[in-house]
C-alpha atoms as a PDB file:
ATOM      1  CA  MET A   1       2.111   0.409  23.579  1.00  0.00           C
ATOM      2  CA  ASN A   2       5.758   0.553  22.539  1.00  0.00           C
ATOM      3  CA  THR A   3       8.395   2.979  23.790  1.00  0.00           C
ATOM      4  CA  LYS A   4       7.930   5.450  20.950  1.00  0.00           C
ATOM      5  CA  GLU A   5       4.186   5.586  21.505  1.00  0.00           C
ATOM      6  CA  GLN A   6       4.641   6.075  25.253  1.00  0.00           C
ATOM      7  CA  LEU A   7       7.050   8.925  24.613  1.00  0.00           C
ATOM      8  CA  LEU A   8       4.690  10.531  22.116  1.00  0.00           C
ATOM      9  CA  ARG A   9       1.777  10.342  24.532  1.00  0.00           C
ATOM     10  CA  TYR A  10       3.850  12.013  27.225  1.00  0.00           C
ATOM     11  CA  LEU A  11       5.014  14.777  24.893  1.00  0.00           C
ATOM     12  CA  LYS A  12       1.407  15.377  23.812  1.00  0.00           C
ATOM     13  CA  LYS A  13       0.337  15.718  27.406  1.00  0.00           C
ATOM     14  CA  GLU A  14       2.935  18.448  27.803  1.00  0.00           C
ATOM     15  CA  GLN A  15       2.520  19.851  24.287  1.00  0.00           C
ATOM     16  CA  GLY A  16       4.150  23.243  23.831  1.00  0.00           C
ATOM     17  CA  ARG A  17       6.153  22.925  27.028  1.00  0.00           C
ATOM     18  CA  PHE A  18       9.694  21.643  27.419  1.00  0.00           C
ATOM     19  CA  VAL A  19      10.233  18.484  29.429  1.00  0.00           C
ATOM     20  CA  SER A  20      13.719  17.525  30.505  1.00  0.00           C
ATOM     21  CA  GLY A  21      15.390  14.377  29.259  1.00  0.00           C
ATOM     22  CA  GLU A  22      15.942  13.387  32.879  1.00  0.00           C
ATOM     23  CA  LYS A  23      12.257  13.687  33.673  1.00  0.00           C
ATOM     24  CA  VAL A  24      11.248  11.682  30.589  1.00  0.00           C
ATOM     25  CA  SER A  25      13.865   9.054  31.389  1.00  0.00           C
ATOM     26  CA  SER A  26      12.542   8.668  34.921  1.00  0.00           C
ATOM     27  CA  ARG A  27       8.896   8.703  33.873  1.00  0.00           C
ATOM     28  CA  LEU A  28       9.252   6.075  31.119  1.00  0.00           C
ATOM     29  CA  ALA A  29      12.095   4.098  32.715  1.00  0.00           C
ATOM     30  CA  ILE A  30      14.313   4.303  29.647  1.00  0.00           C
ATOM     31  CA  SER A  31      17.810   5.668  29.061  1.00  0.00           C
ATOM     32  CA  ARG A  32      18.561   9.151  27.743  1.00  0.00           C
ATOM     33  CA  SER A  33      20.087   7.609  24.602  1.00  0.00           C
ATOM     34  CA  ALA A  34      16.897   5.593  24.015  1.00  0.00           C
ATOM     35  CA  ILE A  35      14.874   8.796  24.324  1.00  0.00           C
ATOM     36  CA  TRP A  36      17.032  10.519  21.727  1.00  0.00           C
ATOM     37  CA  LYS A  37      16.649   7.559  19.380  1.00  0.00           C
ATOM     38  CA  GLN A  38      12.850   7.654  19.643  1.00  0.00           C
ATOM     39  CA  ILE A  39      12.784  11.452  19.298  1.00  0.00           C
ATOM     40  CA  SER A  40      14.725  11.099  16.059  1.00  0.00           C
ATOM     41  CA  ARG A  41      12.200   8.564  14.765  1.00  0.00           C
ATOM     42  CA  LEU A  42       9.297  10.836  15.646  1.00  0.00           C
ATOM     43  CA  LYS A  43      10.944  13.728  13.808  1.00  0.00           C
ATOM     44  CA  GLU A  44      11.405  11.516  10.753  1.00  0.00           C
ATOM     45  CA  GLU A  45       7.666  10.826  10.827  1.00  0.00           C
ATOM     46  CA  GLY A  46       6.950  14.549  10.724  1.00  0.00           C
ATOM     47  CA  TYR A  47       6.432  15.505  14.362  1.00  0.00           C
ATOM     48  CA  ASP A  48       7.790  18.985  15.045  1.00  0.00           C
ATOM     49  CA  ILE A  49       9.830  18.482  18.199  1.00  0.00           C
ATOM     50  CA  GLU A  50      12.181  21.166  19.459  1.00  0.00           C
ATOM     51  CA  SER A  51      15.287  19.922  21.246  1.00  0.00           C
ATOM     52  CA  SER A  52      17.318  21.965  23.701  1.00  0.00           C
ATOM     53  CA  PRO A  53      20.429  20.748  25.590  1.00  0.00           C
ATOM     54  CA  ARG A  54      19.314  22.648  28.686  1.00  0.00           C
ATOM     55  CA  ARG A  55      15.524  22.379  28.584  1.00  0.00           C
ATOM     56  CA  GLY A  56      14.863  19.011  26.934  1.00  0.00           C
ATOM     57  CA  TYR A  57      12.135  18.408  24.362  1.00  0.00           C
ATOM     58  CA  ALA A  58       8.938  20.203  23.345  1.00  0.00           C
ATOM     59  CA  LEU A  59       6.312  18.973  20.907  1.00  0.00           C
ATOM     60  CA  ARG A  60       5.345  21.952  18.735  1.00  0.00           C
ATOM     61  CA  SER A  61       3.009  20.434  16.137  1.00  0.00           C
ATOM     62  CA  ILE A  62       1.557  17.128  14.963  1.00  0.00           C
ATOM     63  CA  PRO A  63       1.689  16.182  11.264  1.00  0.00           C
ATOM     64  CA  ASP A  64      -1.435  15.485   9.259  1.00  0.00           C
ATOM     65  CA  CYS A  65      -0.338  11.896   8.732  1.00  0.00           C
ATOM     66  CA  LEU A  66      -2.081   8.606   9.412  1.00  0.00           C
ATOM     67  CA  LEU A  67       0.577   7.407  11.825  1.00  0.00           C
ATOM     68  CA  ALA A  68       0.216   4.471  14.198  1.00  0.00           C
ATOM     69  CA  GLY A  69       0.396   6.583  17.352  1.00  0.00           C
ATOM     70  CA  GLU A  70      -2.277   8.947  16.075  1.00  0.00           C
ATOM     71  CA  ILE A  71      -4.576   6.115  14.966  1.00  0.00           C
ATOM     72  CA  ARG A  72      -4.375   4.213  18.235  1.00  0.00           C
ATOM     73  CA  GLU A  73      -4.954   7.249  20.427  1.00  0.00           C
ATOM     74  CA  GLY A  74      -8.678   7.370  21.096  1.00  0.00           C
ATOM     75  CA  LEU A  75      -9.433   4.304  18.960  1.00  0.00           C
ATOM     76  CA  ASN A  76     -12.275   2.341  20.555  1.00  0.00           C
ATOM     77  CA  THR A  77     -11.578  -1.185  19.321  1.00  0.00           C
ATOM     78  CA  ARG A  78     -10.290  -4.433  20.789  1.00  0.00           C
ATOM     79  CA  LEU A  79      -8.938  -6.063  17.625  1.00  0.00           C
ATOM     80  CA  ILE A  80      -8.761  -3.898  14.521  1.00  0.00           C
ATOM     81  CA  GLY A  81      -5.914  -1.413  14.686  1.00  0.00           C
ATOM     82  CA  ARG A  82      -4.630  -2.854  17.948  1.00  0.00           C
ATOM     83  CA  GLY A  83      -2.035  -5.078  16.320  1.00  0.00           C
ATOM     84  CA  PRO A  84       0.671  -4.022  13.872  1.00  0.00           C
ATOM     85  CA  ILE A  85       0.052  -0.862  11.844  1.00  0.00           C
ATOM     86  CA  PHE A  86       2.111  -0.616   8.668  1.00  0.00           C
ATOM     87  CA  HIS A  87       2.411   2.978   7.467  1.00  0.00           C
ATOM     88  CA  PHE A  88       3.739   3.922   4.030  1.00  0.00           C
ATOM     89  CA  GLN A  89       4.342   7.357   2.604  1.00  0.00           C
ATOM     90  CA  GLN A  90       3.770   5.760  -0.783  1.00  0.00           C
ATOM     91  CA  THR A  91       3.010   2.257  -2.001  1.00  0.00           C
ATOM     92  CA  ASP A  92       1.451   0.648  -5.061  1.00  0.00           C
ATOM     93  CA  ASN A  93      -1.752  -0.045  -3.149  1.00  0.00           C
ATOM     94  CA  THR A  94      -2.587  -1.093   0.374  1.00  0.00           C
ATOM     95  CA  ASN A  95      -4.388  -4.300  -0.597  1.00  0.00           C
ATOM     96  CA  ASN A  96      -1.255  -5.608  -2.325  1.00  0.00           C
ATOM     97  CA  GLN A  97       0.763  -4.836   0.796  1.00  0.00           C
ATOM     98  CA  GLY A  98      -1.937  -6.356   2.984  1.00  0.00           C
ATOM     99  CA  LYS A  99      -1.956  -9.620   1.026  1.00  0.00           C
ATOM    100  CA  ALA A 100       1.831  -9.880   1.149  1.00  0.00           C
ATOM    101  CA  LEU A 101       1.820  -9.264   4.909  1.00  0.00           C
ATOM    102  CA  ALA A 102      -1.023 -11.738   5.445  1.00  0.00           C
ATOM    103  CA  TYR A 103       0.882 -14.454   3.569  1.00  0.00           C
ATOM    104  CA  GLU A 104       3.840 -13.706   5.837  1.00  0.00           C
ATOM    105  CA  GLY A 105       1.658 -14.281   8.908  1.00  0.00           C
ATOM    106  CA  ALA A 106       0.443 -10.807   9.875  1.00  0.00           C
ATOM    107  CA  PRO A 107      -2.217 -11.248  12.572  1.00  0.00           C
ATOM    108  CA  GLU A 108      -5.914 -10.523  12.346  1.00  0.00           C
ATOM    109  CA  GLY A 109      -6.645  -6.882  12.912  1.00  0.00           C
ATOM    110  CA  ALA A 110      -3.395  -5.633  11.377  1.00  0.00           C
ATOM    111  CA  LEU A 111      -3.762  -2.392   9.449  1.00  0.00           C
ATOM    112  CA  VAL A 112      -2.002  -1.108   6.337  1.00  0.00           C
ATOM    113  CA  ILE A 113      -2.078   2.635   5.667  1.00  0.00           C
ATOM    114  CA  ALA A 114      -0.627   4.695   2.825  1.00  0.00           C
ATOM    115  CA  GLU A 115      -0.441   8.454   2.405  1.00  0.00           C
ATOM    116  CA  GLU A 116      -0.366   7.916  -1.362  1.00  0.00           C
ATOM    117  CA  GLN A 117      -0.937   5.034  -3.791  1.00  0.00           C
ATOM    118  CA  SER A 118       0.787   4.855  -7.143  1.00  0.00           C
ATOM    119  CA  GLN A 119      -1.539   2.093  -8.379  1.00  0.00           C
ATOM    120  CA  GLY A 120      -4.720   2.510  -6.373  1.00  0.00           C
ATOM    121  CA  ARG A 121      -7.261  -0.093  -7.466  1.00  0.00           C
ATOM    122  CA  GLY A 122     -11.017  -0.398  -7.525  1.00  0.00           C
ATOM    123  CA  ARG A 123     -13.136  -3.278  -8.738  1.00  0.00           C
ATOM    124  CA  ARG A 124     -12.337  -4.966 -12.055  1.00  0.00           C
ATOM    125  CA  GLY A 125      -8.896  -3.349 -12.260  1.00  0.00           C
ATOM    126  CA  ARG A 126     -10.102   0.242 -12.286  1.00  0.00           C
ATOM    127  CA  THR A 127      -7.800   2.989 -11.038  1.00  0.00           C
ATOM    128  CA  TRP A 128      -8.446   4.760  -7.734  1.00  0.00           C
ATOM    129  CA  PHE A 129      -7.037   8.300  -7.688  1.00  0.00           C
ATOM    130  CA  SER A 130      -4.878   8.448  -4.545  1.00  0.00           C
ATOM    131  CA  PRO A 131      -3.123  11.822  -4.056  1.00  0.00           C
ATOM    132  CA  HIS A 132      -0.745  12.305  -1.138  1.00  0.00           C
ATOM    133  CA  SER A 133      -2.313  13.184   2.238  1.00  0.00           C
ATOM    134  CA  GLN A 134      -5.724  13.991   0.730  1.00  0.00           C
ATOM    135  CA  GLY A 135      -7.501  10.693   1.235  1.00  0.00           C
ATOM    136  CA  ILE A 136      -7.633   7.542   3.301  1.00  0.00           C
ATOM    137  CA  TYR A 137      -6.133   4.451   1.682  1.00  0.00           C
ATOM    138  CA  ALA A 138      -6.412   1.665   4.240  1.00  0.00           C
ATOM    139  CA  THR A 139      -6.539  -2.120   4.340  1.00  0.00           C
ATOM    140  CA  VAL A 140      -7.486  -4.331   7.273  1.00  0.00           C
ATOM    141  CA  ILE A 141      -6.290  -7.935   7.511  1.00  0.00           C
ATOM    142  CA  LEU A 142      -8.875 -10.388   8.853  1.00  0.00           C
ATOM    143  CA  ARG A 143      -8.813 -14.156   9.310  1.00  0.00           C
ATOM    144  CA  PRO A 144     -12.495 -15.117   9.549  1.00  0.00           C
ATOM    145  CA  LEU A 145     -13.503 -18.706  10.189  1.00  0.00           C
ATOM    146  CA  ILE A 146     -16.233 -18.712   7.557  1.00  0.00           C
ATOM    147  CA  PRO A 147     -16.870 -20.771   4.416  1.00  0.00           C
ATOM    148  CA  LEU A 148     -15.448 -19.406   1.180  1.00  0.00           C
ATOM    149  CA  SER A 149     -19.007 -18.980  -0.132  1.00  0.00           C
ATOM    150  CA  GLU A 150     -19.742 -16.442   2.606  1.00  0.00           C
ATOM    151  CA  THR A 151     -16.834 -14.097   1.945  1.00  0.00           C
ATOM    152  CA  PRO A 152     -18.990 -11.593  -0.056  1.00  0.00           C
ATOM    153  CA  LYS A 153     -20.572 -10.758   3.297  1.00  0.00           C
ATOM    154  CA  LEU A 154     -17.333  -9.024   4.259  1.00  0.00           C
ATOM    155  CA  THR A 155     -17.756  -6.434   1.507  1.00  0.00           C
ATOM    156  CA  LEU A 156     -21.323  -5.759   2.590  1.00  0.00           C
ATOM    157  CA  LEU A 157     -20.456  -5.251   6.245  1.00  0.00           C
ATOM    158  CA  ALA A 158     -17.457  -3.073   5.353  1.00  0.00           C
ATOM    159  CA  ALA A 159     -19.696  -0.881   3.194  1.00  0.00           C
ATOM    160  CA  VAL A 160     -22.275  -0.557   5.963  1.00  0.00           C
ATOM    161  CA  ALA A 161     -19.494   0.363   8.388  1.00  0.00           C
ATOM    162  CA  ALA A 162     -18.129   3.007   6.016  1.00  0.00           C
ATOM    163  CA  THR A 163     -21.564   4.495   5.388  1.00  0.00           C
ATOM    164  CA  GLU A 164     -22.435   4.784   9.060  1.00  0.00           C
ATOM    165  CA  ALA A 165     -19.006   6.175   9.970  1.00  0.00           C
ATOM    166  CA  LEU A 166     -19.154   8.833   7.256  1.00  0.00           C
ATOM    167  CA  GLU A 167     -22.709   9.871   8.076  1.00  0.00           C
ATOM    168  CA  THR A 168     -21.796  10.224  11.743  1.00  0.00           C
ATOM    169  CA  GLN A 169     -18.638  12.224  11.136  1.00  0.00           C
ATOM    170  CA  THR A 170     -19.737  14.445   8.240  1.00  0.00           C
ATOM    171  CA  GLY A 171     -23.517  14.697   8.441  1.00  0.00           C
ATOM    172  CA  LEU A 172     -23.696  14.002   4.700  1.00  0.00           C
ATOM    173  CA  PRO A 173     -26.399  11.749   3.219  1.00  0.00           C
ATOM    174  CA  ILE A 174     -24.366   8.620   2.468  1.00  0.00           C
ATOM    175  CA  ARG A 175     -25.645   5.632   0.536  1.00  0.00           C
ATOM    176  CA  ILE A 176     -24.276   2.381  -0.900  1.00  0.00           C
ATOM    177  CA  LYS A 177     -24.319   1.572  -4.594  1.00  0.00           C
ATOM    178  CA  TRP A 178     -24.233  -2.216  -4.977  1.00  0.00           C
ATOM    179  CA  PRO A 179     -21.959  -3.839  -4.294  1.00  0.00           C
ATOM    180  CA  ASN A 180     -19.172  -1.656  -2.913  1.00  0.00           C
ATOM    181  CA  ASP A 181     -19.365   2.009  -3.907  1.00  0.00           C
ATOM    182  CA  ILE A 182     -20.067   4.641  -1.248  1.00  0.00           C
ATOM    183  CA  LEU A 183     -21.969   7.681  -2.530  1.00  0.00           C
ATOM    184  CA  ALA A 184     -22.527  11.177  -1.177  1.00  0.00           C
ATOM    185  CA  ASN A 185     -25.352  13.058  -2.853  1.00  0.00           C
ATOM    186  CA  GLY A 186     -25.234  10.476  -5.627  1.00  0.00           C
ATOM    187  CA  ARG A 187     -21.525  10.927  -6.354  1.00  0.00           C
ATOM    188  CA  LYS A 188     -18.756   8.431  -5.627  1.00  0.00           C
ATOM    189  CA  LEU A 189     -16.972   9.213  -2.393  1.00  0.00           C
ATOM    190  CA  ALA A 190     -15.367   5.891  -1.455  1.00  0.00           C
ATOM    191  CA  GLY A 191     -14.963   2.309  -2.567  1.00  0.00           C
ATOM    192  CA  ILE A 192     -14.501  -1.026  -0.828  1.00  0.00           C
ATOM    193  CA  LEU A 193     -12.317  -3.785  -2.270  1.00  0.00           C
ATOM    194  CA  THR A 194     -12.225  -7.197  -0.583  1.00  0.00           C
ATOM    195  CA  GLU A 195      -9.732  -9.866  -1.621  1.00  0.00           C
ATOM    196  CA  ILE A 196      -9.398 -13.375  -0.258  1.00  0.00           C
ATOM    197  CA  GLY A 197      -6.450 -15.656   0.366  1.00  0.00           C
ATOM    198  CA  THR A 198      -7.330 -19.351   0.415  1.00  0.00           C
ATOM    199  CA  GLU A 199      -5.677 -22.496   1.671  1.00  0.00           C
ATOM    200  CA  MET A 200      -7.070 -25.931   0.795  1.00  0.00           C
ATOM    201  CA  ASP A 201     -10.388 -24.373  -0.330  1.00  0.00           C
ATOM    202  CA  ALA A 202     -10.751 -22.608   3.023  1.00  0.00           C
ATOM    203  CA  VAL A 203     -10.377 -18.942   3.883  1.00  0.00           C
ATOM    204  CA  ASP A 204      -6.860 -18.199   5.093  1.00  0.00           C
ATOM    205  CA  PHE A 205      -7.304 -14.434   5.231  1.00  0.00           C
ATOM    206  CA  ALA A 206      -9.310 -11.538   3.855  1.00  0.00           C
ATOM    207  CA  VAL A 207      -8.026  -8.059   3.160  1.00  0.00           C
ATOM    208  CA  ILE A 208     -10.637  -5.309   3.151  1.00  0.00           C
ATOM    209  CA  GLY A 209      -9.457  -2.111   1.538  1.00  0.00           C
ATOM    210  CA  MET A 210     -11.116   1.283   1.543  1.00  0.00           C
ATOM    211  CA  GLY A 211     -10.265   4.256  -0.620  1.00  0.00           C
ATOM    212  CA  LEU A 212     -11.902   7.463   0.620  1.00  0.00           C
ATOM    213  CA  ASN A 213     -11.649  10.910  -0.959  1.00  0.00           C
ATOM    214  CA  VAL A 214     -11.318  13.273   1.981  1.00  0.00           C
ATOM    215  CA  ASN A 215      -9.661  16.607   1.202  1.00  0.00           C
ATOM    216  CA  VAL A 216      -9.348  16.339  -2.585  1.00  0.00           C
ATOM    217  CA  PRO A 217     -10.314  19.580  -4.384  1.00  0.00           C
ATOM    218  CA  GLN A 218     -12.497  19.239  -7.474  1.00  0.00           C
ATOM    219  CA  ALA A 219      -9.746  20.544  -9.758  1.00  0.00           C
ATOM    220  CA  SER A 220      -7.290  17.900  -8.535  1.00  0.00           C
ATOM    221  CA  PHE A 221      -9.260  14.979  -9.953  1.00  0.00           C
ATOM    222  CA  PRO A 222      -8.203  13.842 -13.433  1.00  0.00           C
ATOM    223  CA  SER A 223     -10.629  15.188 -16.021  1.00  0.00           C
ATOM    224  CA  ASP A 224     -12.154  11.746 -16.680  1.00  0.00           C
ATOM    225  CA  LEU A 225     -12.945  11.306 -12.960  1.00  0.00           C
ATOM    226  CA  ARG A 226     -14.335  14.726 -12.015  1.00  0.00           C
ATOM    227  CA  TYR A 227     -17.802  13.333 -12.324  1.00  0.00           C
ATOM    228  CA  PRO A 228     -19.070  11.263 -10.644  1.00  0.00           C
ATOM    229  CA  ALA A 229     -16.117  11.378  -8.201  1.00  0.00           C
ATOM    230  CA  THR A 230     -16.361  13.639  -5.183  1.00  0.00           C
ATOM    231  CA  SER A 231     -14.731  14.218  -1.800  1.00  0.00           C
ATOM    232  CA  ILE A 232     -15.781  15.274   1.676  1.00  0.00           C
ATOM    233  CA  LEU A 233     -14.136  18.644   1.016  1.00  0.00           C
ATOM    234  CA  ILE A 234     -16.231  19.165  -2.121  1.00  0.00           C
ATOM    235  CA  GLU A 235     -19.491  18.076  -0.494  1.00  0.00           C
ATOM    236  CA  THR A 236     -19.116  20.017   2.754  1.00  0.00           C
ATOM    237  CA  GLY A 237     -16.954  22.952   1.666  1.00  0.00           C
ATOM    238  CA  ARG A 238     -14.426  22.362   4.422  1.00  0.00           C
ATOM    239  CA  PRO A 239     -11.467  20.052   5.114  1.00  0.00           C
ATOM    240  CA  PHE A 240     -11.834  17.161   7.525  1.00  0.00           C
ATOM    241  CA  PRO A 241      -9.319  15.506   9.887  1.00  0.00           C
ATOM    242  CA  ARG A 242      -8.514  12.128   8.408  1.00  0.00           C
ATOM    243  CA  ILE A 243      -7.622  10.380  11.658  1.00  0.00           C
ATOM    244  CA  ARG A 244     -11.099  10.530  13.164  1.00  0.00           C
ATOM    245  CA  LEU A 245     -12.709   9.427   9.895  1.00  0.00           C
ATOM    246  CA  LEU A 246     -10.429   6.393   9.792  1.00  0.00           C
ATOM    247  CA  GLN A 247     -10.982   5.569  13.468  1.00  0.00           C
ATOM    248  CA  SER A 248     -14.732   5.771  13.022  1.00  0.00           C
ATOM    249  CA  TRP A 249     -14.627   3.306  10.121  1.00  0.00           C
ATOM    250  CA  LEU A 250     -12.407   0.890  12.032  1.00  0.00           C
ATOM    251  CA  GLU A 251     -14.731   1.000  15.036  1.00  0.00           C
ATOM    252  CA  ALA A 252     -17.823   0.371  12.909  1.00  0.00           C
ATOM    253  CA  LEU A 253     -16.021  -2.349  10.966  1.00  0.00           C
ATOM    254  CA  GLU A 254     -15.154  -4.180  14.168  1.00  0.00           C
ATOM    255  CA  LYS A 255     -18.764  -3.906  15.398  1.00  0.00           C
ATOM    256  CA  TYR A 256     -20.205  -5.467  12.254  1.00  0.00           C
ATOM    257  CA  TYR A 257     -17.419  -8.025  11.912  1.00  0.00           C
ATOM    258  CA  SER A 258     -18.206  -9.203  15.446  1.00  0.00           C
ATOM    259  CA  LEU A 259     -21.869  -9.591  14.485  1.00  0.00           C
ATOM    260  CA  LEU A 260     -20.871 -11.702  11.490  1.00  0.00           C
ATOM    261  CA  LEU A 261     -18.742 -14.015  13.607  1.00  0.00           C
ATOM    262  CA  GLN A 262     -21.605 -14.347  16.089  1.00  0.00           C
ATOM    263  CA  GLY A 263     -23.833 -15.564  13.260  1.00  0.00           C
ATOM    264  CA  ASP A 264     -25.985 -12.430  13.221  1.00  0.00           C
ATOM    265  CA  PHE A 265     -25.681 -11.428   9.575  1.00  0.00           C
ATOM    266  CA  ASP A 266     -29.409 -10.781   9.186  1.00  0.00           C
ATOM    267  CA  ASN A 267     -29.123  -7.438  10.985  1.00  0.00           C
ATOM    268  CA  ILE A 268     -26.180  -6.439   8.784  1.00  0.00           C
ATOM    269  CA  LEU A 269     -28.042  -7.405   5.619  1.00  0.00           C
ATOM    270  CA  SER A 270     -31.130  -5.522   6.741  1.00  0.00           C
ATOM    271  CA  ARG A 271     -29.068  -2.417   7.355  1.00  0.00           C
ATOM    272  CA  TRP A 272     -27.294  -2.847   4.002  1.00  0.00           C
ATOM    273  CA  LYS A 273     -30.625  -3.126   2.143  1.00  0.00           C
ATOM    274  CA  PHE A 274     -31.838   0.057   3.795  1.00  0.00           C
ATOM    275  CA  LEU A 275     -28.676   1.939   2.842  1.00  0.00           C
ATOM    276  CA  THR A 276     -28.782   0.753  -0.776  1.00  0.00           C
ATOM    277  CA  ASP A 277     -32.543   0.993  -1.283  1.00  0.00           C
ATOM    278  CA  ILE A 278     -32.111  -1.185  -4.372  1.00  0.00           C
ATOM    279  CA  VAL A 279     -34.792  -3.854  -3.850  1.00  0.00           C
ATOM    280  CA  GLY A 280     -37.697  -3.115  -6.187  1.00  0.00           C
ATOM    281  CA  SER A 281     -35.580  -0.893  -8.435  1.00  0.00           C
ATOM    282  CA  ARG A 282     -35.283  -1.396 -12.165  1.00  0.00           C
ATOM    283  CA  ILE A 283     -31.619  -1.652 -13.129  1.00  0.00           C
ATOM    284  CA  ALA A 284     -29.189  -2.540 -15.876  1.00  0.00           C
ATOM    285  CA  VAL A 285     -26.177  -4.661 -14.959  1.00  0.00           C
ATOM    286  CA  GLU A 286     -23.121  -4.617 -17.203  1.00  0.00           C
ATOM    287  CA  MET A 287     -20.974  -7.740 -17.035  1.00  0.00           C
ATOM    288  CA  PRO A 288     -18.158  -8.973 -19.300  1.00  0.00           C
ATOM    289  CA  GLY A 289     -19.902 -10.005 -22.485  1.00  0.00           C
ATOM    290  CA  ARG A 290     -23.412  -9.693 -21.071  1.00  0.00           C
ATOM    291  CA  ARG A 291     -25.986  -7.081 -20.070  1.00  0.00           C
ATOM    292  CA  TYR A 292     -28.994  -7.797 -17.850  1.00  0.00           C
ATOM    293  CA  ILE A 293     -32.026  -5.551 -17.388  1.00  0.00           C
ATOM    294  CA  GLY A 294     -34.707  -6.197 -14.840  1.00  0.00           C
ATOM    295  CA  GLU A 295     -36.144  -5.512 -11.411  1.00  0.00           C
ATOM    296  CA  VAL A 296     -34.254  -6.351  -8.235  1.00  0.00           C
ATOM    297  CA  GLN A 297     -36.334  -8.891  -6.327  1.00  0.00           C
ATOM    298  CA  ASP A 298     -34.022  -9.284  -3.376  1.00  0.00           C
ATOM    299  CA  VAL A 299     -30.449  -9.458  -2.109  1.00  0.00           C
ATOM    300  CA  ASP A 300     -29.680 -12.854  -0.635  1.00  0.00           C
ATOM    301  CA  GLY A 301     -27.719 -13.672   2.493  1.00  0.00           C
ATOM    302  CA  ASN A 302     -24.427 -13.577   0.592  1.00  0.00           C
ATOM    303  CA  GLY A 303     -25.053 -10.213  -1.041  1.00  0.00           C
ATOM    304  CA  VAL A 304     -26.067 -11.638  -4.416  1.00  0.00           C
ATOM    305  CA  LEU A 305     -28.655  -9.656  -6.392  1.00  0.00           C
ATOM    306  CA  ILE A 306     -31.734 -11.570  -7.472  1.00  0.00           C
ATOM    307  CA  LEU A 307     -32.807  -9.921 -10.726  1.00  0.00           C
ATOM    308  CA  LYS A 308     -36.093 -10.626 -12.516  1.00  0.00           C
ATOM    309  CA  GLU A 309     -35.920 -10.025 -16.259  1.00  0.00           C
ATOM    310  CA  SER A 310     -38.905  -8.970 -18.387  1.00  0.00           C
ATOM    311  CA  ASP A 311     -39.557 -12.579 -19.408  1.00  0.00           C
ATOM    312  CA  GLY A 312     -39.741 -13.630 -15.765  1.00  0.00           C
ATOM    313  CA  ALA A 313     -36.333 -15.311 -15.674  1.00  0.00           C
ATOM    314  CA  LEU A 314     -34.453 -14.905 -12.410  1.00  0.00           C
ATOM    315  CA  GLN A 315     -30.751 -14.144 -12.531  1.00  0.00           C
ATOM    316  CA  ARG A 316     -28.295 -14.313  -9.652  1.00  0.00           C
ATOM    317  CA  ILE A 317     -25.869 -11.429 -10.083  1.00  0.00           C
ATOM    318  CA  PHE A 318     -22.625 -11.780  -8.159  1.00  0.00           C
ATOM    319  CA  SER A 319     -20.878  -8.692  -9.537  1.00  0.00           C
ATOM    320  CA  GLY A 320     -21.231  -6.083 -12.218  1.00  0.00           C
ATOM    321  CA  ASP A 321     -21.735  -2.386 -12.924  1.00  0.00           C
ATOM    322  CA  VAL A 322     -25.216  -1.258 -11.946  1.00  0.00           C
ATOM    323  CA  THR A 323     -27.179   1.613 -13.469  1.00  0.00           C
ATOM    324  CA  LEU A 324     -30.559   2.620 -12.062  1.00  0.00           C
ATOM    325  CA  LEU A 325     -33.213   2.966 -14.749  1.00  0.00           C
ATOM    326  CA  THR A 326     -35.992   5.506 -14.419  1.00  0.00           C
ATOM    327  CA  VAL A 327     -38.438   3.612 -16.607  1.00  0.00           C
END
């Protein structure tokens, strides 16, 4: 915990009450000028801190921002979110930032957060609507020692983690639409986007991004996204604190990532199959230049759909847009 985070924790403990600069200086073993410097930084981040020459400092309110100090406080992880946290008021998208930071050597478990994305991305170049302070736009940097062929497992475990975290926090019925969409009551609530950096045909890093619509009103969505897009606010009728939602996903992500590294992917895949309920379903899969229709026979250990067409041919589907067919 750095000096700023220590100071913030102390001010939170005394929230609403003035604490003298002398007392803070003694408690944290830092100079009065260092305190003032950190207070100024906290104010820039949006913390409402009242300063008085005679009485010291009082924390009046905490911003609704996904700041490092807020994320770490109460976060029950050992790796993810415990290293560097890069917070942006606005960026193009967090996966782009995550890849750049990973190439520069950012450690495993580093987290990239944005309050707003100007070029939020989903699969196949689609746009992800990312209004300021109304969603969670987060990317985790991982450096798994796994073969390149196994990297699709990361998307599956991230989706399972998101589903379980959202069900726990909101009570909504959450399901996964293969391979990476998170649905609430059949409408798109979140998406997972995994991208890989390689070195000599080996995995150098993976960035796992999640875009989650939290407090987005229905009218705020662009007209072409109002259905099937949804948000927690729309589904529950009330706003939700973003920090706890993010923490819950990070905690679940670390749990399932640990299982993967321990070689226990079968439990993750079993949970994923339950949450998708796609095996045995009749589907259409749209791919560039090709459309497949058939029944899902299975999902293999790498998250690939095994599709049986009407003529009995088996197709391995690595990606595509899936539509459930009723007949």
